[in-house]
Structure formats: structure tokens, C-alpha cells
Amino acid sequence: LAPYGFGGTDNMAQEGAHALFGDGELVKRLGAIGY
């Protein structure tokens, strides 16, 4: 989960990639299919 926003004008680095996938939802879904 890389911080982002510094390379553009959004400057959303405070949010980070985890904000896009709230509460580990991606990890839960991948875990459900065996990863």
C-alpha cells in the first residue's frame, strides 16, 4: 500500500492506498478464494 498523490496535484498522500480498499476488503476477498 504505497502513499500516493505527491506526483500529481491531488496531494492525497495523507489518505494512502488503504483508503481505496477500506478495512482490508481486498485482502478478505482474495483470502476467500484461497490467497
PDB file of all heavy atoms in Angstrom:
ATOM      1  N   LEU A   1       0.842  -1.190   0.000  1.00  0.00           N
ATOM      2  CA  LEU A   1       0.000   0.000   0.000  1.00  0.00           C
ATOM      3  C   LEU A   1       0.883   1.248   0.000  1.00  0.00           C
ATOM      4  O   LEU A   1       1.370   1.678   1.039  1.00  0.00           O
ATOM      5  CB  LEU A   1      -0.914  -0.009   1.221  1.00  0.00           C
ATOM      6  CG  LEU A   1      -1.830  -1.237   1.326  1.00  0.00           C
ATOM      7  CD1 LEU A   1      -2.589  -1.234   2.629  1.00  0.00           C
ATOM      8  CD2 LEU A   1      -2.774  -1.306   0.147  1.00  0.00           C
ATOM      9  N   ALA A   2       1.100   1.772  -1.168  1.00  0.00           N
ATOM     10  CA  ALA A   2       2.010   2.912  -1.312  1.00  0.00           C
ATOM     11  C   ALA A   2       1.277   4.226  -1.106  1.00  0.00           C
ATOM     12  O   ALA A   2       0.140   4.380  -1.553  1.00  0.00           O
ATOM     13  CB  ALA A   2       2.653   2.885  -2.696  1.00  0.00           C
ATOM     14  N   PRO A   3       1.924   5.175  -0.446  1.00  0.00           N
ATOM     15  CA  PRO A   3       1.323   6.504  -0.377  1.00  0.00           C
ATOM     16  C   PRO A   3       1.299   7.104  -1.771  1.00  0.00           C
ATOM     17  O   PRO A   3       2.165   6.815  -2.583  1.00  0.00           O
ATOM     18  CB  PRO A   3       2.260   7.274   0.547  1.00  0.00           C
ATOM     19  CG  PRO A   3       3.523   6.517   0.561  1.00  0.00           C
ATOM     20  CD  PRO A   3       3.217   5.103   0.191  1.00  0.00           C
ATOM     21  N   TYR A   4       0.302   7.888  -2.061  1.00  0.00           N
ATOM     22  CA  TYR A   4       0.206   8.443  -3.400  1.00  0.00           C
ATOM     23  C   TYR A   4      -0.241   9.885  -3.338  1.00  0.00           C
ATOM     24  O   TYR A   4      -0.662  10.374  -2.298  1.00  0.00           O
ATOM     25  CB  TYR A   4      -0.738   7.627  -4.276  1.00  0.00           C
ATOM     26  CG  TYR A   4      -2.175   7.644  -3.802  1.00  0.00           C
ATOM     27  CD1 TYR A   4      -3.082   8.530  -4.365  1.00  0.00           C
ATOM     28  CD2 TYR A   4      -2.607   6.801  -2.806  1.00  0.00           C
ATOM     29  CE1 TYR A   4      -4.383   8.565  -3.939  1.00  0.00           C
ATOM     30  CE2 TYR A   4      -3.919   6.823  -2.382  1.00  0.00           C
ATOM     31  CZ  TYR A   4      -4.802   7.708  -2.950  1.00  0.00           C
ATOM     32  OH  TYR A   4      -6.092   7.732  -2.523  1.00  0.00           O
ATOM     33  N   GLY A   5      -0.137  10.534  -4.454  1.00  0.00           N
ATOM     34  CA  GLY A   5      -0.590  11.898  -4.571  1.00  0.00           C
ATOM     35  C   GLY A   5       0.523  12.898  -4.708  1.00  0.00           C
ATOM     36  O   GLY A   5       0.294  14.007  -5.171  1.00  0.00           O
ATOM     37  N   PHE A   6       1.727  12.552  -4.329  1.00  0.00           N
ATOM     38  CA  PHE A   6       2.829  13.508  -4.407  1.00  0.00           C
ATOM     39  C   PHE A   6       3.228  13.800  -5.849  1.00  0.00           C
ATOM     40  O   PHE A   6       3.740  14.862  -6.143  1.00  0.00           O
ATOM     41  CB  PHE A   6       4.056  12.994  -3.641  1.00  0.00           C
ATOM     42  CG  PHE A   6       3.895  13.068  -2.158  1.00  0.00           C
ATOM     43  CD1 PHE A   6       3.728  11.919  -1.409  1.00  0.00           C
ATOM     44  CD2 PHE A   6       3.902  14.280  -1.503  1.00  0.00           C
ATOM     45  CE1 PHE A   6       3.577  11.975  -0.037  1.00  0.00           C
ATOM     46  CE2 PHE A   6       3.751  14.356  -0.125  1.00  0.00           C
ATOM     47  CZ  PHE A   6       3.584  13.202   0.602  1.00  0.00           C
ATOM     48  N   GLY A   7       3.022  12.844  -6.752  1.00  0.00           N
ATOM     49  CA  GLY A   7       3.447  13.024  -8.133  1.00  0.00           C
ATOM     50  C   GLY A   7       2.508  13.844  -8.977  1.00  0.00           C
ATOM     51  O   GLY A   7       2.799  14.150 -10.119  1.00  0.00           O
ATOM     52  N   GLY A   8       1.329  14.183  -8.430  1.00  0.00           N
ATOM     53  CA  GLY A   8       0.355  14.982  -9.166  1.00  0.00           C
ATOM     54  C   GLY A   8      -0.103  16.149  -8.331  1.00  0.00           C
ATOM     55  O   GLY A   8       0.566  16.569  -7.389  1.00  0.00           O
ATOM     56  N   THR A   9      -1.277  16.617  -8.648  1.00  0.00           N
ATOM     57  CA  THR A   9      -1.797  17.770  -7.913  1.00  0.00           C
ATOM     58  C   THR A   9      -2.879  17.384  -6.919  1.00  0.00           C
ATOM     59  O   THR A   9      -3.398  18.237  -6.221  1.00  0.00           O
ATOM     60  CB  THR A   9      -2.374  18.814  -8.891  1.00  0.00           C
ATOM     61  OG1 THR A   9      -3.322  18.165  -9.730  1.00  0.00           O
ATOM     62  CG2 THR A   9      -1.278  19.443  -9.709  1.00  0.00           C
ATOM     63  N   ASP A  10      -3.209  16.097  -6.834  1.00  0.00           N
ATOM     64  CA  ASP A  10      -4.249  15.658  -5.905  1.00  0.00           C
ATOM     65  C   ASP A  10      -3.784  15.758  -4.458  1.00  0.00           C
ATOM     66  O   ASP A  10      -4.569  16.012  -3.571  1.00  0.00           O
ATOM     67  CB  ASP A  10      -4.662  14.212  -6.182  1.00  0.00           C
ATOM     68  CG  ASP A  10      -5.306  14.060  -7.542  1.00  0.00           C
ATOM     69  OD1 ASP A  10      -5.800  15.063  -8.080  1.00  0.00           O
ATOM     70  OD2 ASP A  10      -5.307  12.935  -8.049  1.00  0.00           O
ATOM     71  N   ASN A  11      -2.499  15.489  -4.230  1.00  0.00           N
ATOM     72  CA  ASN A  11      -1.909  15.518  -2.897  1.00  0.00           C
ATOM     73  C   ASN A  11      -2.740  14.748  -1.881  1.00  0.00           C
ATOM     74  O   ASN A  11      -3.024  15.214  -0.788  1.00  0.00           O
ATOM     75  CB  ASN A  11      -1.663  16.962  -2.438  1.00  0.00           C
ATOM     76  CG  ASN A  11      -0.638  17.631  -3.324  1.00  0.00           C
ATOM     77  OD1 ASN A  11       0.354  17.020  -3.686  1.00  0.00           O
ATOM     78  ND2 ASN A  11      -0.887  18.851  -3.710  1.00  0.00           N
ATOM     79  N   MET A  12      -3.147  13.540  -2.271  1.00  0.00           N
ATOM     80  CA  MET A  12      -3.946  12.681  -1.415  1.00  0.00           C
ATOM     81  C   MET A  12      -3.070  11.745  -0.598  1.00  0.00           C
ATOM     82  O   MET A  12      -3.525  10.745  -0.088  1.00  0.00           O
ATOM     83  CB  MET A  12      -4.916  11.871  -2.267  1.00  0.00           C
ATOM     84  CG  MET A  12      -5.934  12.740  -2.992  1.00  0.00           C
ATOM     85  SD  MET A  12      -6.975  11.779  -4.109  1.00  0.00           S
ATOM     86  CE  MET A  12      -7.814  10.712  -2.953  1.00  0.00           C
ATOM     87  N   ALA A  13      -1.816  12.066  -0.448  1.00  0.00           N
ATOM     88  CA  ALA A  13      -0.876  11.176   0.228  1.00  0.00           C
ATOM     89  C   ALA A  13      -1.301  10.881   1.659  1.00  0.00           C
ATOM     90  O   ALA A  13      -0.977   9.832   2.192  1.00  0.00           O
ATOM     91  CB  ALA A  13       0.522  11.768   0.215  1.00  0.00           C
ATOM     92  N   GLN A  14      -2.024  11.778   2.274  1.00  0.00           N
ATOM     93  CA  GLN A  14      -2.468  11.535   3.633  1.00  0.00           C
ATOM     94  C   GLN A  14      -3.451  10.363   3.668  1.00  0.00           C
ATOM     95  O   GLN A  14      -3.541   9.643   4.641  1.00  0.00           O
ATOM     96  CB  GLN A  14      -3.154  12.781   4.224  1.00  0.00           C
ATOM     97  CG  GLN A  14      -2.258  13.992   4.308  1.00  0.00           C
ATOM     98  CD  GLN A  14      -2.166  14.749   2.985  1.00  0.00           C
ATOM     99  OE1 GLN A  14      -2.815  14.437   1.999  1.00  0.00           O
ATOM    100  NE2 GLN A  14      -1.307  15.754   2.959  1.00  0.00           N
ATOM    101  N   GLU A  15      -4.209  10.164   2.600  1.00  0.00           N
ATOM    102  CA  GLU A  15      -5.184   9.089   2.524  1.00  0.00           C
ATOM    103  C   GLU A  15      -4.507   7.740   2.352  1.00  0.00           C
ATOM    104  O   GLU A  15      -4.832   6.790   3.022  1.00  0.00           O
ATOM    105  CB  GLU A  15      -6.150   9.331   1.353  1.00  0.00           C
ATOM    106  CG  GLU A  15      -6.955  10.603   1.483  1.00  0.00           C
ATOM    107  CD  GLU A  15      -8.015  10.497   2.561  1.00  0.00           C
ATOM    108  OE1 GLU A  15      -8.574   9.408   2.737  1.00  0.00           O
ATOM    109  OE2 GLU A  15      -8.263  11.506   3.224  1.00  0.00           O
ATOM    110  N   GLY A  16      -3.604   7.639   1.409  1.00  0.00           N
ATOM    111  CA  GLY A  16      -2.921   6.388   1.126  1.00  0.00           C
ATOM    112  C   GLY A  16      -3.811   5.411   0.379  1.00  0.00           C
ATOM    113  O   GLY A  16      -5.017   5.584   0.284  1.00  0.00           O
ATOM    114  N   ALA A  17      -3.214   4.373  -0.169  1.00  0.00           N
ATOM    115  CA  ALA A  17      -3.953   3.393  -0.956  1.00  0.00           C
ATOM    116  C   ALA A  17      -4.987   2.659  -0.121  1.00  0.00           C
ATOM    117  O   ALA A  17      -6.011   2.225  -0.632  1.00  0.00           O
ATOM    118  CB  ALA A  17      -2.985   2.402  -1.587  1.00  0.00           C
ATOM    119  N   HIS A  18      -4.744   2.513   1.187  1.00  0.00           N
ATOM    120  CA  HIS A  18      -5.693   1.791   2.027  1.00  0.00           C
ATOM    121  C   HIS A  18      -7.073   2.444   2.027  1.00  0.00           C
ATOM    122  O   HIS A  18      -8.078   1.775   2.226  1.00  0.00           O
ATOM    123  CB  HIS A  18      -5.164   1.666   3.456  1.00  0.00           C
ATOM    124  CG  HIS A  18      -4.983   2.970   4.153  1.00  0.00           C
ATOM    125  ND1 HIS A  18      -3.866   3.752   3.961  1.00  0.00           N
ATOM    126  CD2 HIS A  18      -5.799   3.649   4.987  1.00  0.00           C
ATOM    127  CE1 HIS A  18      -3.994   4.860   4.680  1.00  0.00           C
ATOM    128  NE2 HIS A  18      -5.150   4.824   5.301  1.00  0.00           N
ATOM    129  N   ALA A  19      -7.147   3.721   1.778  1.00  0.00           N
ATOM    130  CA  ALA A  19      -8.433   4.411   1.746  1.00  0.00           C
ATOM    131  C   ALA A  19      -9.296   3.928   0.583  1.00  0.00           C
ATOM    132  O   ALA A  19     -10.513   3.987   0.649  1.00  0.00           O
ATOM    133  CB  ALA A  19      -8.229   5.915   1.662  1.00  0.00           C
ATOM    134  N   LEU A  20      -8.655   3.440  -0.467  1.00  0.00           N
ATOM    135  CA  LEU A  20      -9.396   2.955  -1.618  1.00  0.00           C
ATOM    136  C   LEU A  20     -10.015   1.581  -1.382  1.00  0.00           C
ATOM    137  O   LEU A  20     -10.946   1.195  -2.069  1.00  0.00           O
ATOM    138  CB  LEU A  20      -8.460   2.859  -2.840  1.00  0.00           C
ATOM    139  CG  LEU A  20      -7.814   4.157  -3.299  1.00  0.00           C
ATOM    140  CD1 LEU A  20      -6.790   3.864  -4.377  1.00  0.00           C
ATOM    141  CD2 LEU A  20      -8.859   5.118  -3.806  1.00  0.00           C
ATOM    142  N   PHE A  21      -9.497   0.834  -0.437  1.00  0.00           N
ATOM    143  CA  PHE A  21      -9.922  -0.547  -0.247  1.00  0.00           C
ATOM    144  C   PHE A  21     -10.379  -0.801   1.186  1.00  0.00           C
ATOM    145  O   PHE A  21     -10.299  -1.907   1.685  1.00  0.00           O
ATOM    146  CB  PHE A  21      -8.779  -1.504  -0.615  1.00  0.00           C
ATOM    147  CG  PHE A  21      -8.365  -1.336  -2.039  1.00  0.00           C
ATOM    148  CD1 PHE A  21      -7.277  -0.555  -2.373  1.00  0.00           C
ATOM    149  CD2 PHE A  21      -9.095  -1.921  -3.052  1.00  0.00           C
ATOM    150  CE1 PHE A  21      -6.908  -0.370  -3.696  1.00  0.00           C
ATOM    151  CE2 PHE A  21      -8.737  -1.739  -4.382  1.00  0.00           C
ATOM    152  CZ  PHE A  21      -7.644  -0.969  -4.694  1.00  0.00           C
ATOM    153  N   GLY A  22     -10.858   0.216   1.853  1.00  0.00           N
ATOM    154  CA  GLY A  22     -11.289   0.251   3.241  1.00  0.00           C
ATOM    155  C   GLY A  22     -11.337  -1.049   4.011  1.00  0.00           C
ATOM    156  O   GLY A  22     -11.877  -2.052   3.552  1.00  0.00           O
ATOM    157  N   ASP A  23     -10.778  -1.031   5.180  1.00  0.00           N
ATOM    158  CA  ASP A  23     -10.839  -2.112   6.161  1.00  0.00           C
ATOM    159  C   ASP A  23     -10.392  -3.475   5.627  1.00  0.00           C
ATOM    160  O   ASP A  23     -10.954  -4.500   5.992  1.00  0.00           O
ATOM    161  CB  ASP A  23     -12.249  -2.231   6.749  1.00  0.00           C
ATOM    162  CG  ASP A  23     -12.650  -0.976   7.501  1.00  0.00           C
ATOM    163  OD1 ASP A  23     -11.752  -0.325   8.073  1.00  0.00           O
ATOM    164  OD2 ASP A  23     -13.846  -0.643   7.495  1.00  0.00           O
ATOM    165  N   GLY A  24      -9.417  -3.492   4.756  1.00  0.00           N
ATOM    166  CA  GLY A  24      -8.867  -4.767   4.289  1.00  0.00           C
ATOM    167  C   GLY A  24      -9.810  -5.570   3.414  1.00  0.00           C
ATOM    168  O   GLY A  24      -9.691  -6.791   3.315  1.00  0.00           O
ATOM    169  N   GLU A  25     -10.751  -4.905   2.754  1.00  0.00           N
ATOM    170  CA  GLU A  25     -11.733  -5.614   1.923  1.00  0.00           C
ATOM    171  C   GLU A  25     -11.056  -6.436   0.820  1.00  0.00           C
ATOM    172  O   GLU A  25     -11.456  -7.565   0.541  1.00  0.00           O
ATOM    173  CB  GLU A  25     -12.724  -4.619   1.318  1.00  0.00           C
ATOM    174  CG  GLU A  25     -13.862  -5.257   0.567  1.00  0.00           C
ATOM    175  CD  GLU A  25     -14.768  -6.113   1.440  1.00  0.00           C
ATOM    176  OE1 GLU A  25     -14.899  -5.854   2.651  1.00  0.00           O
ATOM    177  OE2 GLU A  25     -15.349  -7.066   0.881  1.00  0.00           O
ATOM    178  N   LEU A  26     -10.031  -5.888   0.189  1.00  0.00           N
ATOM    179  CA  LEU A  26      -9.325  -6.622  -0.864  1.00  0.00           C
ATOM    180  C   LEU A  26      -8.688  -7.885  -0.300  1.00  0.00           C
ATOM    181  O   LEU A  26      -8.787  -8.960  -0.895  1.00  0.00           O
ATOM    182  CB  LEU A  26      -8.264  -5.732  -1.521  1.00  0.00           C
ATOM    183  CG  LEU A  26      -7.430  -6.385  -2.620  1.00  0.00           C
ATOM    184  CD1 LEU A  26      -8.316  -6.786  -3.796  1.00  0.00           C
ATOM    185  CD2 LEU A  26      -6.336  -5.436  -3.082  1.00  0.00           C
ATOM    186  N   VAL A  27      -8.050  -7.770   0.844  1.00  0.00           N
ATOM    187  CA  VAL A  27      -7.410  -8.929   1.477  1.00  0.00           C
ATOM    188  C   VAL A  27      -8.461  -9.994   1.821  1.00  0.00           C
ATOM    189  O   VAL A  27      -8.246 -11.184   1.605  1.00  0.00           O
ATOM    190  CB  VAL A  27      -6.615  -8.488   2.731  1.00  0.00           C
ATOM    191  CG1 VAL A  27      -6.134  -9.687   3.525  1.00  0.00           C
ATOM    192  CG2 VAL A  27      -5.437  -7.616   2.315  1.00  0.00           C
ATOM    193  N   LYS A  28      -9.604  -9.572   2.328  1.00  0.00           N
ATOM    194  CA  LYS A  28     -10.690 -10.518   2.652  1.00  0.00           C
ATOM    195  C   LYS A  28     -11.157 -11.262   1.409  1.00  0.00           C
ATOM    196  O   LYS A  28     -11.340 -12.479   1.432  1.00  0.00           O
ATOM    197  CB  LYS A  28     -11.877  -9.785   3.278  1.00  0.00           C
ATOM    198  CG  LYS A  28     -11.654  -9.304   4.683  1.00  0.00           C
ATOM    199  CD  LYS A  28     -12.918  -8.597   5.172  1.00  0.00           C
ATOM    200  CE  LYS A  28     -12.585  -7.595   6.248  1.00  0.00           C
ATOM    201  NZ  LYS A  28     -13.725  -6.748   6.588  1.00  0.00           N
ATOM    202  N   ARG A  29     -11.358 -10.523   0.337  1.00  0.00           N
ATOM    203  CA  ARG A  29     -11.856 -11.152  -0.897  1.00  0.00           C
ATOM    204  C   ARG A  29     -10.824 -12.106  -1.505  1.00  0.00           C
ATOM    205  O   ARG A  29     -11.179 -13.178  -1.982  1.00  0.00           O
ATOM    206  CB  ARG A  29     -12.264 -10.087  -1.905  1.00  0.00           C
ATOM    207  CG  ARG A  29     -13.523  -9.373  -1.495  1.00  0.00           C
ATOM    208  CD  ARG A  29     -13.920  -8.332  -2.497  1.00  0.00           C
ATOM    209  NE  ARG A  29     -15.098  -7.632  -2.042  1.00  0.00           N
ATOM    210  CZ  ARG A  29     -16.071  -7.271  -2.846  1.00  0.00           C
ATOM    211  NH1 ARG A  29     -16.018  -7.526  -4.129  1.00  0.00           N
ATOM    212  NH2 ARG A  29     -17.102  -6.627  -2.355  1.00  0.00           N
ATOM    213  N   LEU A  30      -9.564 -11.709  -1.505  1.00  0.00           N
ATOM    214  CA  LEU A  30      -8.527 -12.601  -2.030  1.00  0.00           C
ATOM    215  C   LEU A  30      -8.368 -13.830  -1.128  1.00  0.00           C
ATOM    216  O   LEU A  30      -8.142 -14.938  -1.612  1.00  0.00           O
ATOM    217  CB  LEU A  30      -7.204 -11.850  -2.178  1.00  0.00           C
ATOM    218  CG  LEU A  30      -7.159 -10.827  -3.315  1.00  0.00           C
ATOM    219  CD1 LEU A  30      -5.914  -9.966  -3.209  1.00  0.00           C
ATOM    220  CD2 LEU A  30      -7.227 -11.513  -4.669  1.00  0.00           C
ATOM    221  N   GLY A  31      -8.480 -13.631   0.181  1.00  0.00           N
ATOM    222  CA  GLY A  31      -8.429 -14.750   1.113  1.00  0.00           C
ATOM    223  C   GLY A  31      -9.558 -15.738   0.885  1.00  0.00           C
ATOM    224  O   GLY A  31      -9.379 -16.953   0.990  1.00  0.00           O
ATOM    225  N   ALA A  32     -10.730 -15.247   0.520  1.00  0.00           N
ATOM    226  CA  ALA A  32     -11.891 -16.100   0.281  1.00  0.00           C
ATOM    227  C   ALA A  32     -11.697 -17.018  -0.928  1.00  0.00           C
ATOM    228  O   ALA A  32     -12.332 -18.077  -1.013  1.00  0.00           O
ATOM    229  CB  ALA A  32     -13.134 -15.244   0.096  1.00  0.00           C
ATOM    230  N   ILE A  33     -10.809 -16.637  -1.834  1.00  0.00           N
ATOM    231  CA  ILE A  33     -10.561 -17.503  -2.994  1.00  0.00           C
ATOM    232  C   ILE A  33      -9.216 -18.224  -2.886  1.00  0.00           C
ATOM    233  O   ILE A  33      -8.702 -18.738  -3.870  1.00  0.00           O
ATOM    234  CB  ILE A  33     -10.680 -16.730  -4.327  1.00  0.00           C
ATOM    235  CG1 ILE A  33      -9.707 -15.551  -4.396  1.00  0.00           C
ATOM    236  CG2 ILE A  33     -12.110 -16.283  -4.556  1.00  0.00           C
ATOM    237  CD1 ILE A  33      -9.644 -14.874  -5.756  1.00  0.00           C
ATOM    238  N   GLY A  34      -8.653 -18.249  -1.677  1.00  0.00           N
ATOM    239  CA  GLY A  34      -7.507 -19.103  -1.427  1.00  0.00           C
ATOM    240  C   GLY A  34      -6.141 -18.461  -1.381  1.00  0.00           C
ATOM    241  O   GLY A  34      -5.137 -19.166  -1.290  1.00  0.00           O
ATOM    242  N   TYR A  35      -6.060 -17.156  -1.452  1.00  0.00           N
ATOM    243  CA  TYR A  35      -4.767 -16.492  -1.387  1.00  0.00           C
ATOM    244  C   TYR A  35      -4.464 -16.030   0.027  1.00  0.00           C
ATOM    245  O   TYR A  35      -5.329 -15.509   0.718  1.00  0.00           O
ATOM    246  CB  TYR A  35      -4.714 -15.284  -2.324  1.00  0.00           C
ATOM    247  CG  TYR A  35      -4.724 -15.655  -3.773  1.00  0.00           C
ATOM    248  CD1 TYR A  35      -5.890 -15.610  -4.519  1.00  0.00           C
ATOM    249  CD2 TYR A  35      -3.555 -16.073  -4.396  1.00  0.00           C
ATOM    250  CE1 TYR A  35      -5.903 -15.957  -5.854  1.00  0.00           C
ATOM    251  CE2 TYR A  35      -3.554 -16.428  -5.732  1.00  0.00           C
ATOM    252  CZ  TYR A  35      -4.733 -16.374  -6.451  1.00  0.00           C
ATOM    253  OH  TYR A  35      -4.732 -16.724  -7.768  1.00  0.00           O
TER     254      TYR A  35
END
